[in-house]
Amino acid sequence: MPALRGGHIIRPNTKTLQFIQPQRRDRVMTQSTTDRSFILVFRLLMAWTFLYAASHQVFNPKFSAAAFLSHTKTFHDVYAVLATPAADPVLTFLVSYGHLLIGLSLLVGLLVRVSAAFGVALLVMYWTAHMDWPFIENTNNFIIDYHIVYAVVCVYLIAYRAGHVWGLDGWVEKLSFVERSPSLRFLVA
């Protein structure tokens, strides 16, 4: 009868004990080539979206996140705290370089779970900042606009482990120090 020791199955043999590494279902890529192609395309499209936004913020010395947030309507009181002159340099840095890091992460497929989660947070913030309830930006967008669509795509990238599809997450997950640390493995899983 097989015994379990330290996560390994030990099968008694007449000559030696055999250690068999257990199969992990979460490592098996069960998607078809079409599924993997869509995952890659969605990841690269979202990378482009964030990198393009970063290019208009990082390289523009006049960009101000506080100026953007000072025009909010529905949640003005919430964003007024962030739109102060004292918070502007920090907020502008975080938004500009946040877009850049999210875009680069999605482009190379490294830490996609983390970057896509931050992307969802930013997109939901922009959605509420553009809101003039029940319209978003203008009367053509009733409740749902592209921010919500992009956020759903980011959730899709998290759920389908997009960093493992022609990305660096699959390679990093196999590094010995990542395999030994559950907290690091969670970041690239």
C-alpha atoms as a PDB file:
ATOM      1  CA  MET A   1       0.000   0.000   0.000  1.00  0.00           C
ATOM      2  CA  PRO A   2       1.464   3.403  -0.936  1.00  0.00           C
ATOM      3  CA  ALA A   3       2.342   5.745   1.917  1.00  0.00           C
ATOM      4  CA  LEU A   4       2.583   9.544   1.871  1.00  0.00           C
ATOM      5  CA  ARG A   5       5.686  11.285   3.198  1.00  0.00           C
ATOM      6  CA  GLY A   6       6.438  15.007   2.683  1.00  0.00           C
ATOM      7  CA  GLY A   7       4.044  15.367  -0.248  1.00  0.00           C
ATOM      8  CA  HIS A   8       5.621  12.411  -2.089  1.00  0.00           C
ATOM      9  CA  ILE A   9       4.064   9.005  -2.603  1.00  0.00           C
ATOM     10  CA  ILE A  10       6.238   6.142  -1.463  1.00  0.00           C
ATOM     11  CA  ARG A  11       5.578   2.810  -3.112  1.00  0.00           C
ATOM     12  CA  PRO A  12       7.281  -0.129  -1.518  1.00  0.00           C
ATOM     13  CA  ASN A  13       9.345  -2.159  -3.914  1.00  0.00           C
ATOM     14  CA  THR A  14      11.171  -5.345  -3.233  1.00  0.00           C
ATOM     15  CA  LYS A  15      14.562  -3.756  -3.926  1.00  0.00           C
ATOM     16  CA  THR A  16      14.145   0.021  -3.363  1.00  0.00           C
ATOM     17  CA  LEU A  17      11.595   2.584  -2.375  1.00  0.00           C
ATOM     18  CA  GLN A  18      10.285   4.654  -5.265  1.00  0.00           C
ATOM     19  CA  PHE A  19       9.528   8.340  -4.683  1.00  0.00           C
ATOM     20  CA  ILE A  20       6.907   9.608  -7.077  1.00  0.00           C
ATOM     21  CA  GLN A  21       6.313  13.340  -7.432  1.00  0.00           C
ATOM     22  CA  PRO A  22       2.561  14.067  -7.212  1.00  0.00           C
ATOM     23  CA  GLN A  23       0.906  15.570 -10.277  1.00  0.00           C
ATOM     24  CA  ARG A  24      -0.311  19.137  -9.840  1.00  0.00           C
ATOM     25  CA  ARG A  25      -3.422  19.867 -11.846  1.00  0.00           C
ATOM     26  CA  ASP A  26      -2.832  23.607 -11.818  1.00  0.00           C
ATOM     27  CA  ARG A  27       0.393  23.197 -13.826  1.00  0.00           C
ATOM     28  CA  VAL A  28      -1.259  21.348 -16.662  1.00  0.00           C
ATOM     29  CA  MET A  29      -2.163  23.585 -19.578  1.00  0.00           C
ATOM     30  CA  THR A  30      -5.415  22.168 -20.876  1.00  0.00           C
ATOM     31  CA  GLN A  31      -6.251  24.983 -23.270  1.00  0.00           C
ATOM     32  CA  SER A  32      -6.338  24.345 -26.976  1.00  0.00           C
ATOM     33  CA  THR A  33      -4.089  26.243 -29.368  1.00  0.00           C
ATOM     34  CA  THR A  34      -6.994  28.569 -30.165  1.00  0.00           C
ATOM     35  CA  ASP A  35      -7.597  29.278 -26.463  1.00  0.00           C
ATOM     36  CA  ARG A  36      -3.912  29.967 -25.892  1.00  0.00           C
ATOM     37  CA  SER A  37      -3.829  32.258 -28.922  1.00  0.00           C
ATOM     38  CA  PHE A  38      -6.764  34.287 -27.601  1.00  0.00           C
ATOM     39  CA  ILE A  39      -5.147  34.515 -24.166  1.00  0.00           C
ATOM     40  CA  LEU A  40      -1.928  35.796 -25.735  1.00  0.00           C
ATOM     41  CA  VAL A  41      -3.750  38.301 -27.941  1.00  0.00           C
ATOM     42  CA  PHE A  42      -5.796  39.642 -25.022  1.00  0.00           C
ATOM     43  CA  ARG A  43      -2.659  39.938 -22.889  1.00  0.00           C
ATOM     44  CA  LEU A  44      -0.776  41.821 -25.613  1.00  0.00           C
ATOM     45  CA  LEU A  45      -3.752  44.096 -26.341  1.00  0.00           C
ATOM     46  CA  MET A  46      -4.017  45.045 -22.676  1.00  0.00           C
ATOM     47  CA  ALA A  47      -0.240  45.558 -22.545  1.00  0.00           C
ATOM     48  CA  TRP A  48      -0.512  47.966 -25.476  1.00  0.00           C
ATOM     49  CA  THR A  49      -3.409  49.791 -23.788  1.00  0.00           C
ATOM     50  CA  PHE A  50      -1.429  50.413 -20.607  1.00  0.00           C
ATOM     51  CA  LEU A  51       1.847  51.191 -22.401  1.00  0.00           C
ATOM     52  CA  TYR A  52       0.115  53.696 -24.684  1.00  0.00           C
ATOM     53  CA  ALA A  53      -1.445  55.420 -21.665  1.00  0.00           C
ATOM     54  CA  ALA A  54       1.958  55.475 -19.951  1.00  0.00           C
ATOM     55  CA  SER A  55       3.582  57.058 -23.001  1.00  0.00           C
ATOM     56  CA  HIS A  56       1.265  60.061 -22.649  1.00  0.00           C
ATOM     57  CA  GLN A  57       1.943  60.363 -18.939  1.00  0.00           C
ATOM     58  CA  VAL A  58       5.583  59.439 -18.308  1.00  0.00           C
ATOM     59  CA  PHE A  59       6.924  61.511 -21.205  1.00  0.00           C
ATOM     60  CA  ASN A  60       4.603  64.484 -20.689  1.00  0.00           C
ATOM     61  CA  PRO A  61       5.919  66.799 -17.953  1.00  0.00           C
ATOM     62  CA  LYS A  62       2.557  68.616 -17.857  1.00  0.00           C
ATOM     63  CA  PHE A  63       0.534  65.500 -17.023  1.00  0.00           C
ATOM     64  CA  SER A  64      -1.225  65.715 -13.677  1.00  0.00           C
ATOM     65  CA  ALA A  65      -3.397  63.014 -12.154  1.00  0.00           C
ATOM     66  CA  ALA A  66      -4.903  65.608  -9.816  1.00  0.00           C
ATOM     67  CA  ALA A  67      -6.066  67.707 -12.778  1.00  0.00           C
ATOM     68  CA  PHE A  68      -7.865  64.645 -14.149  1.00  0.00           C
ATOM     69  CA  LEU A  69      -9.461  63.822 -10.792  1.00  0.00           C
ATOM     70  CA  SER A  70     -10.559  67.396 -10.107  1.00  0.00           C
ATOM     71  CA  HIS A  71     -13.158  67.065 -12.890  1.00  0.00           C
ATOM     72  CA  THR A  72     -15.020  64.117 -11.394  1.00  0.00           C
ATOM     73  CA  LYS A  73     -18.753  64.496 -10.906  1.00  0.00           C
ATOM     74  CA  THR A  74     -20.426  61.527  -9.243  1.00  0.00           C
ATOM     75  CA  PHE A  75     -17.642  60.705  -6.764  1.00  0.00           C
ATOM     76  CA  HIS A  76     -16.128  64.171  -6.505  1.00  0.00           C
ATOM     77  CA  ASP A  77     -15.911  64.128  -2.689  1.00  0.00           C
ATOM     78  CA  VAL A  78     -14.016  60.823  -2.769  1.00  0.00           C
ATOM     79  CA  TYR A  79     -11.476  61.966  -5.354  1.00  0.00           C
ATOM     80  CA  ALA A  80     -11.123  65.521  -4.012  1.00  0.00           C
ATOM     81  CA  VAL A  81      -8.885  64.115  -1.265  1.00  0.00           C
ATOM     82  CA  LEU A  82      -6.502  62.727  -3.903  1.00  0.00           C
ATOM     83  CA  ALA A  83      -6.672  65.826  -6.114  1.00  0.00           C
ATOM     84  CA  THR A  84      -4.930  68.130  -3.633  1.00  0.00           C
ATOM     85  CA  PRO A  85      -1.729  69.919  -4.690  1.00  0.00           C
ATOM     86  CA  ALA A  86       0.192  68.133  -1.924  1.00  0.00           C
ATOM     87  CA  ALA A  87      -0.801  64.669  -3.181  1.00  0.00           C
ATOM     88  CA  ASP A  88      -0.417  65.476  -6.887  1.00  0.00           C
ATOM     89  CA  PRO A  89       3.300  64.624  -7.370  1.00  0.00           C
ATOM     90  CA  VAL A  90       2.964  61.283  -5.611  1.00  0.00           C
ATOM     91  CA  LEU A  91      -0.308  60.382  -7.320  1.00  0.00           C
ATOM     92  CA  THR A  92       0.990  61.422 -10.746  1.00  0.00           C
ATOM     93  CA  PHE A  93       4.121  59.295 -10.268  1.00  0.00           C
ATOM     94  CA  LEU A  94       2.082  56.273  -9.130  1.00  0.00           C
ATOM     95  CA  VAL A  95      -0.406  56.533 -12.004  1.00  0.00           C
ATOM     96  CA  SER A  96       2.205  57.185 -14.720  1.00  0.00           C
ATOM     97  CA  TYR A  97       4.678  54.519 -13.705  1.00  0.00           C
ATOM     98  CA  GLY A  98       1.892  52.176 -12.634  1.00  0.00           C
ATOM     99  CA  HIS A  99       0.629  52.181 -16.213  1.00  0.00           C
ATOM    100  CA  LEU A 100       4.163  51.588 -17.454  1.00  0.00           C
ATOM    101  CA  LEU A 101       4.844  48.670 -15.092  1.00  0.00           C
ATOM    102  CA  ILE A 102       1.459  47.053 -15.728  1.00  0.00           C
ATOM    103  CA  GLY A 103       2.013  47.310 -19.473  1.00  0.00           C
ATOM    104  CA  LEU A 104       5.541  45.875 -19.316  1.00  0.00           C
ATOM    105  CA  SER A 105       4.400  43.061 -17.033  1.00  0.00           C
ATOM    106  CA  LEU A 106       1.603  42.094 -19.407  1.00  0.00           C
ATOM    107  CA  LEU A 107       3.911  42.391 -22.411  1.00  0.00           C
ATOM    108  CA  VAL A 108       6.474  39.883 -21.122  1.00  0.00           C
ATOM    109  CA  GLY A 109       4.014  37.775 -19.119  1.00  0.00           C
ATOM    110  CA  LEU A 110       5.723  38.233 -15.755  1.00  0.00           C
ATOM    111  CA  LEU A 111       3.645  38.672 -12.580  1.00  0.00           C
ATOM    112  CA  VAL A 112       0.494  38.876 -14.685  1.00  0.00           C
ATOM    113  CA  ARG A 113      -1.697  37.977 -11.720  1.00  0.00           C
ATOM    114  CA  VAL A 114      -0.392  41.019  -9.818  1.00  0.00           C
ATOM    115  CA  SER A 115      -0.305  43.487 -12.702  1.00  0.00           C
ATOM    116  CA  ALA A 116      -3.752  42.539 -13.985  1.00  0.00           C
ATOM    117  CA  ALA A 117      -5.199  42.963 -10.467  1.00  0.00           C
ATOM    118  CA  PHE A 118      -3.687  46.458 -10.241  1.00  0.00           C
ATOM    119  CA  GLY A 119      -4.998  47.097 -13.751  1.00  0.00           C
ATOM    120  CA  VAL A 120      -8.520  46.196 -12.632  1.00  0.00           C
ATOM    121  CA  ALA A 121      -8.192  48.583  -9.674  1.00  0.00           C
ATOM    122  CA  LEU A 122      -7.028  51.439 -11.930  1.00  0.00           C
ATOM    123  CA  LEU A 123      -9.732  50.785 -14.505  1.00  0.00           C
ATOM    124  CA  VAL A 124     -12.507  50.722 -11.915  1.00  0.00           C
ATOM    125  CA  MET A 125     -11.126  53.959 -10.480  1.00  0.00           C
ATOM    126  CA  TYR A 126     -11.199  55.566 -13.949  1.00  0.00           C
ATOM    127  CA  TRP A 127     -14.701  54.234 -14.531  1.00  0.00           C
ATOM    128  CA  THR A 128     -15.974  55.899 -11.364  1.00  0.00           C
ATOM    129  CA  ALA A 129     -13.964  59.059 -12.080  1.00  0.00           C
ATOM    130  CA  HIS A 130     -15.552  59.436 -15.531  1.00  0.00           C
ATOM    131  CA  MET A 131     -19.018  58.762 -14.182  1.00  0.00           C
ATOM    132  CA  ASP A 132     -21.875  61.237 -14.360  1.00  0.00           C
ATOM    133  CA  TRP A 133     -24.415  58.714 -13.146  1.00  0.00           C
ATOM    134  CA  PRO A 134     -25.792  56.805 -14.995  1.00  0.00           C
ATOM    135  CA  PHE A 135     -23.634  57.905 -17.919  1.00  0.00           C
ATOM    136  CA  ILE A 136     -19.908  57.398 -18.307  1.00  0.00           C
ATOM    137  CA  GLU A 137     -18.048  60.253 -20.053  1.00  0.00           C
ATOM    138  CA  ASN A 138     -21.011  61.054 -22.331  1.00  0.00           C
ATOM    139  CA  THR A 139     -24.588  59.968 -23.011  1.00  0.00           C
ATOM    140  CA  ASN A 140     -23.437  57.237 -25.421  1.00  0.00           C
ATOM    141  CA  ASN A 141     -22.134  55.104 -22.529  1.00  0.00           C
ATOM    142  CA  PHE A 142     -24.897  54.013 -20.189  1.00  0.00           C
ATOM    143  CA  ILE A 143     -23.330  52.471 -17.039  1.00  0.00           C
ATOM    144  CA  ILE A 144     -20.889  50.269 -18.988  1.00  0.00           C
ATOM    145  CA  ASP A 145     -17.977  51.651 -20.991  1.00  0.00           C
ATOM    146  CA  TYR A 146     -14.576  50.480 -22.165  1.00  0.00           C
ATOM    147  CA  HIS A 147     -13.099  50.685 -18.652  1.00  0.00           C
ATOM    148  CA  ILE A 148     -15.387  47.872 -17.506  1.00  0.00           C
ATOM    149  CA  VAL A 149     -14.662  45.832 -20.643  1.00  0.00           C
ATOM    150  CA  TYR A 150     -10.901  46.216 -20.088  1.00  0.00           C
ATOM    151  CA  ALA A 151     -11.307  45.289 -16.403  1.00  0.00           C
ATOM    152  CA  VAL A 152     -13.160  42.105 -17.386  1.00  0.00           C
ATOM    153  CA  VAL A 153     -10.368  41.245 -19.837  1.00  0.00           C
ATOM    154  CA  CYS A 154      -7.836  41.693 -17.001  1.00  0.00           C
ATOM    155  CA  VAL A 155      -9.877  39.343 -14.795  1.00  0.00           C
ATOM    156  CA  TYR A 156      -9.876  36.861 -17.707  1.00  0.00           C
ATOM    157  CA  LEU A 157      -6.068  37.125 -17.874  1.00  0.00           C
ATOM    158  CA  ILE A 158      -5.844  36.327 -14.162  1.00  0.00           C
ATOM    159  CA  ALA A 159      -8.297  33.423 -14.353  1.00  0.00           C
ATOM    160  CA  TYR A 160      -6.641  31.784 -17.353  1.00  0.00           C
ATOM    161  CA  ARG A 161      -3.066  32.239 -16.116  1.00  0.00           C
ATOM    162  CA  ALA A 162      -2.083  34.397 -19.071  1.00  0.00           C
ATOM    163  CA  GLY A 163       1.528  34.698 -17.942  1.00  0.00           C
ATOM    164  CA  HIS A 164       1.970  30.982 -18.607  1.00  0.00           C
ATOM    165  CA  VAL A 165       0.977  31.367 -22.251  1.00  0.00           C
ATOM    166  CA  TRP A 166       4.154  32.440 -24.044  1.00  0.00           C
ATOM    167  CA  GLY A 167       5.151  34.466 -20.988  1.00  0.00           C
ATOM    168  CA  LEU A 168       7.716  34.392 -18.210  1.00  0.00           C
ATOM    169  CA  ASP A 169       5.381  33.298 -15.381  1.00  0.00           C
ATOM    170  CA  GLY A 170       5.651  29.638 -16.411  1.00  0.00           C
ATOM    171  CA  TRP A 171       9.443  29.778 -16.377  1.00  0.00           C
ATOM    172  CA  VAL A 172       9.673  31.699 -13.086  1.00  0.00           C
ATOM    173  CA  GLU A 173       7.246  29.309 -11.384  1.00  0.00           C
ATOM    174  CA  LYS A 174       9.699  26.441 -12.012  1.00  0.00           C
ATOM    175  CA  LEU A 175      12.642  28.188 -10.331  1.00  0.00           C
ATOM    176  CA  SER A 176      13.635  26.355  -7.145  1.00  0.00           C
ATOM    177  CA  PHE A 177      13.300  29.320  -4.781  1.00  0.00           C
ATOM    178  CA  VAL A 178       9.800  30.040  -6.114  1.00  0.00           C
ATOM    179  CA  GLU A 179       8.734  26.404  -5.786  1.00  0.00           C
ATOM    180  CA  ARG A 180       9.830  26.413  -2.128  1.00  0.00           C
ATOM    181  CA  SER A 181       7.913  29.597  -1.275  1.00  0.00           C
ATOM    182  CA  PRO A 182       4.107  29.466  -1.471  1.00  0.00           C
ATOM    183  CA  SER A 183       3.844  33.265  -1.276  1.00  0.00           C
ATOM    184  CA  LEU A 184       6.077  33.706  -4.332  1.00  0.00           C
ATOM    185  CA  ARG A 185       4.389  30.878  -6.192  1.00  0.00           C
ATOM    186  CA  PHE A 186       1.043  32.637  -5.693  1.00  0.00           C
ATOM    187  CA  LEU A 187       2.367  35.698  -7.568  1.00  0.00           C
ATOM    188  CA  VAL A 188       3.202  33.752 -10.733  1.00  0.00           C
ATOM    189  CA  ALA A 189       0.700  30.886 -10.548  1.00  0.00           C
END
